Amino acid sequence: MTDVKSNVSLIALGLAEVREGTEITAGGVVRMAEGIVQSWRSPMRWAYGSGDNEVAGLSTIAEMFKPRRNDDGSTDSKFLPAMYRAVAYSFLVGEDEFTNSDKMQFKRAWQIAAAKMAGVPVEFVDADVLRNGKRAKVRAVEVPASVAFDLYDTDGTTPTAAGKVLEADVKRSLKRSKRKADEAAVRSMAEETPIECVGGKIDGLSVPSVSAISERLAAHAVVAGLMPSKGNRNKSASADKFRASMAFVSKCLDEVLSDNGESDFAGSDGVETEMRALAEKLAAYFAA
């Protein structure tokens, strides 16, 4: 639960790195994931309301994304916000609130931790990365290639682009060491290749970032029953309209960021408040 040298929780240390907004932000998410693993079964008191209307109980980080049901069977929408406050109070030295951005990064960390606790071979390692022309050492998630990528098509035998790259890498390694292996062994070695999820590319293959691997690992947490799938992401009725709206917003932002003087859209102090509000809503969506 705590860093032995500083006696500060790894969750607090990781969140501090995330809040700094430096190149080590992704490392902060990983450090939070380590802290969540260490504190997976630690009981915490959550509560909302006051006086005779107070609702409270004991729960753990492991259970915080499982829906709590009211007596009538409906989902208790106040439980998760109460759990976020409980986590903040327990691990952030008396703070009782996460920002929406904090919640989004915490959930990414939680998904990584949940997959590890569900038996997925997730390791936390020190990785050397190149950021802005400088080398830095950050905490990173390491998983087998079979977890980081879809290596084979749905038939289970035809390699995808990622599978071809990794199999070719295995064959080159075998050739250099003058070893031989049949196709089954090559496939097995490709699947077991350790991948440090820090972004970038390997032989033209895009390596998952910490946020990308978190989303892939979330599926394992869902299968393990640690969190529900987001059903509202699969409602077809308004998906196309919503996608078109998001595409328009993305186009506007691309033009603002291009700053070439020819854009139909430009940032200004007048819209910055609305943009920050939109960013907070997006963060809240990914934190829920």
Protein backbone atom coordinates (compact mmCIF):
# COMPACT_ATOMS: atom_id res chain seq x y z
CA MET A 1 0.00 0.00 0.00
CA THR A 2 2.91 2.35 0.64
CA ASP A 3 6.33 3.07 -0.75
CA VAL A 4 8.74 1.73 1.88
CA LYS A 5 11.25 4.55 1.49
CA SER A 6 8.77 7.42 1.73
CA ASN A 7 5.87 5.82 3.61
CA VAL A 8 3.54 7.43 1.05
CA SER A 9 1.01 5.30 -0.82
CA LEU A 10 1.93 4.36 -4.38
CA ILE A 11 -1.51 5.57 -5.39
CA ALA A 12 -0.67 9.05 -4.07
CA LEU A 13 2.80 9.00 -5.66
CA GLY A 14 1.38 7.91 -9.00
CA LEU A 15 -1.37 10.52 -8.96
CA ALA A 16 1.17 13.23 -8.12
CA GLU A 17 3.15 12.22 -11.23
CA VAL A 18 -0.02 12.27 -13.32
CA ARG A 19 -0.97 15.71 -12.05
CA GLU A 20 2.46 17.10 -12.94
CA GLY A 21 1.60 16.53 -16.58
CA THR A 22 5.20 15.72 -17.47
CA GLU A 23 6.61 12.98 -19.68
CA ILE A 24 6.18 10.59 -16.75
CA THR A 25 2.39 10.89 -16.66
CA ALA A 26 2.01 7.37 -18.08
CA GLY A 27 4.47 6.11 -15.47
CA GLY A 28 2.25 7.66 -12.82
CA VAL A 29 -0.72 5.61 -14.04
CA VAL A 30 1.39 2.46 -13.77
CA ARG A 31 2.56 3.38 -10.28
CA MET A 32 -1.07 3.87 -9.24
CA ALA A 33 -1.83 0.41 -10.66
CA GLU A 34 0.91 -1.05 -8.46
CA GLY A 35 -0.60 0.66 -5.44
CA ILE A 36 -4.07 -0.63 -6.32
CA VAL A 37 -2.74 -4.19 -6.54
CA GLN A 38 -1.11 -3.83 -3.11
CA SER A 39 -4.34 -2.44 -1.63
CA TRP A 40 -6.75 -4.66 -3.58
CA ARG A 41 -8.48 -6.11 -0.51
CA SER A 42 -8.00 -3.27 1.97
CA PRO A 43 -11.42 -2.34 3.46
CA MET A 44 -12.59 1.26 3.20
CA ARG A 45 -15.65 3.01 4.57
CA TRP A 46 -17.76 4.77 1.96
CA ALA A 47 -20.73 7.00 2.65
CA TYR A 48 -23.07 9.54 1.15
CA GLY A 49 -25.91 11.58 2.55
CA SER A 50 -26.05 12.82 6.13
CA GLY A 51 -27.92 12.28 9.37
CA ASP A 52 -30.85 9.90 9.09
CA ASN A 53 -30.38 9.84 5.31
CA GLU A 54 -26.78 8.63 5.41
CA VAL A 55 -26.02 5.48 3.46
CA ALA A 56 -22.68 3.86 4.29
CA GLY A 57 -20.79 0.61 4.18
CA LEU A 58 -17.44 -1.12 3.89
CA SER A 59 -15.98 -2.08 0.54
CA THR A 60 -12.65 -2.57 -1.21
CA ILE A 61 -10.94 -1.16 -4.28
CA ALA A 62 -11.58 -4.54 -5.90
CA GLU A 63 -15.34 -3.97 -5.64
CA MET A 64 -15.61 -0.30 -6.50
CA PHE A 65 -16.67 -0.73 -10.13
CA LYS A 66 -19.17 -3.48 -9.42
CA PRO A 67 -22.66 -1.93 -9.46
CA ARG A 68 -24.24 -1.70 -6.01
CA ARG A 69 -27.95 -2.39 -6.00
CA ASN A 70 -30.64 -0.56 -4.02
CA ASP A 71 -33.31 -2.52 -2.22
CA ASP A 72 -35.60 -2.20 -5.24
CA GLY A 73 -32.96 -3.68 -7.54
CA SER A 74 -31.99 -0.42 -9.23
CA THR A 75 -28.35 0.60 -9.57
CA ASP A 76 -27.05 2.86 -6.80
CA SER A 77 -25.60 5.71 -8.86
CA LYS A 78 -24.11 7.36 -5.75
CA PHE A 79 -21.94 4.38 -4.79
CA LEU A 80 -19.07 4.93 -7.25
CA PRO A 81 -18.67 8.66 -6.42
CA ALA A 82 -18.65 7.68 -2.73
CA MET A 83 -15.96 5.07 -3.42
CA TYR A 84 -13.83 7.64 -5.27
CA ARG A 85 -14.06 9.85 -2.17
CA ALA A 86 -13.17 6.91 0.07
CA VAL A 87 -10.10 6.07 -2.04
CA ALA A 88 -8.99 9.71 -2.07
CA TYR A 89 -9.40 10.04 1.69
CA SER A 90 -7.62 6.73 2.38
CA PHE A 91 -4.64 7.14 0.06
CA LEU A 92 -4.22 10.85 -0.69
CA VAL A 93 -3.36 11.95 2.83
CA GLY A 94 -6.74 13.36 3.81
CA GLU A 95 -7.89 14.73 0.46
CA ASP A 96 -11.49 13.77 -0.17
CA GLU A 97 -11.94 14.54 -3.85
CA PHE A 98 -10.63 13.41 -7.20
CA THR A 99 -11.04 15.69 -10.21
CA ASN A 100 -12.71 14.09 -13.22
CA SER A 101 -9.27 13.91 -14.85
CA ASP A 102 -7.91 12.15 -11.73
CA LYS A 103 -10.79 9.66 -11.92
CA MET A 104 -10.09 8.89 -15.57
CA GLN A 105 -6.42 8.15 -14.87
CA PHE A 106 -7.28 6.19 -11.73
CA LYS A 107 -9.71 4.01 -13.69
CA ARG A 108 -7.02 3.32 -16.29
CA ALA A 109 -4.75 2.21 -13.45
CA TRP A 110 -7.56 0.17 -11.89
CA GLN A 111 -8.23 -1.70 -15.15
CA ILE A 112 -4.55 -2.67 -15.36
CA ALA A 113 -4.54 -3.81 -11.74
CA ALA A 114 -7.83 -5.70 -12.13
CA ALA A 115 -6.51 -7.65 -15.11
CA LYS A 116 -3.42 -8.62 -13.12
CA MET A 117 -5.56 -9.73 -10.18
CA ALA A 118 -7.71 -11.73 -12.63
CA GLY A 119 -4.66 -13.75 -13.65
CA VAL A 120 -3.47 -11.91 -16.75
CA PRO A 121 0.38 -11.94 -16.89
CA VAL A 122 0.90 -8.24 -16.20
CA GLU A 123 4.25 -7.06 -14.83
CA PHE A 124 5.38 -3.63 -13.64
CA VAL A 125 8.88 -2.77 -14.87
CA ASP A 126 11.29 0.12 -15.32
CA ALA A 127 11.49 1.06 -19.00
CA ASP A 128 13.85 3.35 -20.86
CA VAL A 129 11.95 5.72 -23.17
CA LEU A 130 12.87 8.59 -25.45
CA ARG A 131 10.86 11.75 -24.83
CA ASN A 132 11.58 15.07 -26.55
CA GLY A 133 15.01 13.83 -27.57
CA LYS A 134 15.93 12.82 -24.02
CA ARG A 135 16.09 9.40 -22.44
CA ALA A 136 14.07 8.80 -19.31
CA LYS A 137 13.28 5.85 -17.08
CA VAL A 138 9.60 5.34 -16.30
CA ARG A 139 7.41 2.69 -14.72
CA ALA A 140 5.69 0.66 -17.42
CA VAL A 141 3.29 -2.22 -17.96
CA GLU A 142 4.86 -5.31 -19.52
CA VAL A 143 2.64 -8.01 -21.01
CA PRO A 144 3.12 -10.90 -23.45
CA ALA A 145 2.62 -9.99 -27.10
CA SER A 146 -0.51 -12.15 -27.15
CA VAL A 147 -2.06 -9.74 -24.64
CA ALA A 148 -0.75 -6.54 -26.24
CA PHE A 149 -1.80 -7.38 -29.81
CA ASP A 150 -4.25 -9.40 -31.85
CA LEU A 151 -1.63 -11.70 -33.38
CA TYR A 152 -3.94 -13.94 -35.38
CA ASP A 153 -7.20 -13.55 -37.27
CA THR A 154 -10.44 -14.97 -35.94
CA ASP A 155 -9.59 -18.35 -37.47
CA GLY A 156 -6.72 -18.54 -34.98
CA THR A 157 -4.13 -19.55 -37.59
CA THR A 158 -3.58 -16.66 -40.01
CA PRO A 159 -1.12 -14.09 -38.63
CA THR A 160 -2.21 -10.46 -38.52
CA ALA A 161 0.24 -7.71 -39.42
CA ALA A 162 1.41 -7.74 -35.78
CA GLY A 163 1.74 -11.52 -35.81
CA LYS A 164 3.87 -11.41 -38.96
CA VAL A 165 6.21 -8.80 -37.48
CA LEU A 166 6.75 -10.73 -34.26
CA GLU A 167 7.13 -14.12 -35.96
CA ALA A 168 9.70 -12.60 -38.32
CA ASP A 169 11.55 -11.18 -35.31
CA VAL A 170 11.59 -14.62 -33.65
CA LYS A 171 12.90 -16.25 -36.83
CA ARG A 172 15.70 -13.68 -37.14
CA SER A 173 16.67 -14.30 -33.51
CA LEU A 174 16.72 -18.07 -34.08
CA LYS A 175 18.83 -17.65 -37.20
CA ARG A 176 21.39 -15.48 -35.38
CA SER A 177 21.71 -18.05 -32.61
CA LYS A 178 21.79 -20.90 -35.17
CA ARG A 179 18.78 -22.59 -33.63
CA LYS A 180 15.86 -24.23 -35.35
CA ALA A 181 12.18 -24.36 -34.40
CA ASP A 182 9.02 -25.56 -36.07
CA GLU A 183 6.13 -23.20 -36.85
CA ALA A 184 4.30 -24.06 -33.63
CA ALA A 185 7.37 -23.16 -31.55
CA VAL A 186 7.86 -19.92 -33.51
CA ARG A 187 4.25 -18.99 -32.85
CA SER A 188 4.58 -19.76 -29.15
CA MET A 189 7.72 -17.64 -28.85
CA ALA A 190 6.06 -14.78 -30.72
CA GLU A 191 3.07 -14.91 -28.37
CA GLU A 192 5.33 -14.88 -25.30
CA THR A 193 7.51 -11.97 -26.45
CA PRO A 194 7.47 -9.39 -23.62
CA ILE A 195 6.12 -6.00 -24.68
CA GLU A 196 6.72 -2.84 -22.66
CA CYS A 197 3.62 -0.73 -23.28
CA VAL A 198 5.19 2.71 -23.63
CA GLY A 199 4.03 3.64 -27.12
CA GLY A 200 6.39 4.04 -30.05
CA LYS A 201 7.10 1.42 -32.71
CA ILE A 202 8.88 -1.91 -33.12
CA ASP A 203 9.80 -2.67 -36.73
CA GLY A 204 6.94 -0.44 -37.85
CA LEU A 205 4.50 -2.05 -35.40
CA SER A 206 2.75 0.45 -33.13
CA VAL A 207 3.24 -0.48 -29.48
CA PRO A 208 0.30 0.19 -27.12
CA SER A 209 0.59 3.15 -24.78
CA VAL A 210 -0.44 2.76 -21.15
CA SER A 211 -3.91 4.11 -21.95
CA ALA A 212 -4.30 1.73 -24.91
CA ILE A 213 -3.20 -1.34 -22.94
CA SER A 214 -5.51 -0.32 -20.11
CA GLU A 215 -8.47 -0.49 -22.49
CA ARG A 216 -7.38 -3.91 -23.79
CA LEU A 217 -6.96 -5.19 -20.24
CA ALA A 218 -10.40 -3.88 -19.25
CA ALA A 219 -11.93 -6.71 -21.28
CA HIS A 220 -10.24 -9.21 -18.95
CA ALA A 221 -11.66 -7.41 -15.91
CA VAL A 222 -15.14 -7.64 -17.46
CA VAL A 223 -14.76 -11.37 -18.14
CA ALA A 224 -13.57 -11.89 -14.55
CA GLY A 225 -16.73 -10.17 -13.28
CA LEU A 226 -14.82 -7.31 -11.66
CA MET A 227 -16.60 -4.64 -13.69
CA PRO A 228 -19.56 -4.52 -16.09
CA SER A 229 -19.21 -3.79 -19.77
CA LYS A 230 -20.40 -0.36 -20.82
CA GLY A 231 -23.70 -1.26 -22.43
CA ASN A 232 -24.39 2.34 -23.40
CA ARG A 233 -21.44 2.19 -25.79
CA ASN A 234 -23.29 -0.35 -27.92
CA LYS A 235 -26.63 1.41 -28.41
CA SER A 236 -27.00 1.79 -32.17
CA ALA A 237 -29.84 4.34 -32.24
CA SER A 238 -27.74 7.46 -31.74
CA ALA A 239 -24.26 6.10 -32.49
CA ASP A 240 -23.99 7.50 -36.02
CA LYS A 241 -25.24 10.95 -35.03
CA PHE A 242 -22.91 11.05 -32.03
CA ARG A 243 -19.96 9.85 -34.13
CA ALA A 244 -20.60 12.59 -36.70
CA SER A 245 -20.73 15.21 -33.95
CA MET A 246 -17.45 13.98 -32.45
CA ALA A 247 -15.83 13.96 -35.90
CA PHE A 248 -16.83 17.62 -36.36
CA VAL A 249 -15.44 18.60 -32.94
CA SER A 250 -12.23 16.70 -33.71
CA LYS A 251 -11.92 18.51 -37.06
CA CYS A 252 -12.34 21.88 -35.33
CA LEU A 253 -9.67 21.04 -32.77
CA ASP A 254 -7.27 19.84 -35.47
CA GLU A 255 -7.66 23.18 -37.24
CA VAL A 256 -7.17 25.13 -34.02
CA LEU A 257 -4.03 23.16 -33.23
CA SER A 258 -2.63 23.53 -36.75
CA ASP A 259 -2.31 27.31 -36.18
CA ASN A 260 -1.61 28.03 -39.85
CA GLY A 261 -3.63 31.23 -40.06
CA GLU A 262 -6.02 29.74 -42.63
CA SER A 263 -8.36 27.87 -40.31
CA ASP A 264 -12.08 28.55 -40.12
CA PHE A 265 -11.81 27.86 -36.39
CA ALA A 266 -9.57 29.46 -33.82
CA GLY A 267 -9.15 29.19 -30.09
CA SER A 268 -9.84 32.17 -27.89
CA ASP A 269 -10.26 33.12 -24.27
CA GLY A 270 -13.98 33.33 -24.94
CA VAL A 271 -14.34 29.60 -25.66
CA GLU A 272 -11.66 28.23 -23.34
CA THR A 273 -14.09 27.86 -20.43
CA GLU A 274 -16.41 25.77 -22.61
CA MET A 275 -13.47 23.67 -23.86
CA ARG A 276 -12.34 22.96 -20.31
CA ALA A 277 -15.90 21.97 -19.41
CA LEU A 278 -15.98 19.60 -22.40
CA ALA A 279 -12.65 18.07 -21.34
CA GLU A 280 -14.03 17.48 -17.84
CA LYS A 281 -17.15 15.79 -19.28
CA LEU A 282 -15.01 13.51 -21.43
CA ALA A 283 -12.88 12.63 -18.42
CA ALA A 284 -16.02 11.90 -16.39
CA TYR A 285 -17.28 9.56 -19.12
CA PHE A 286 -14.08 7.52 -19.10
CA ALA A 287 -13.99 7.48 -15.29
CA ALA A 288 -17.51 6.04 -14.91
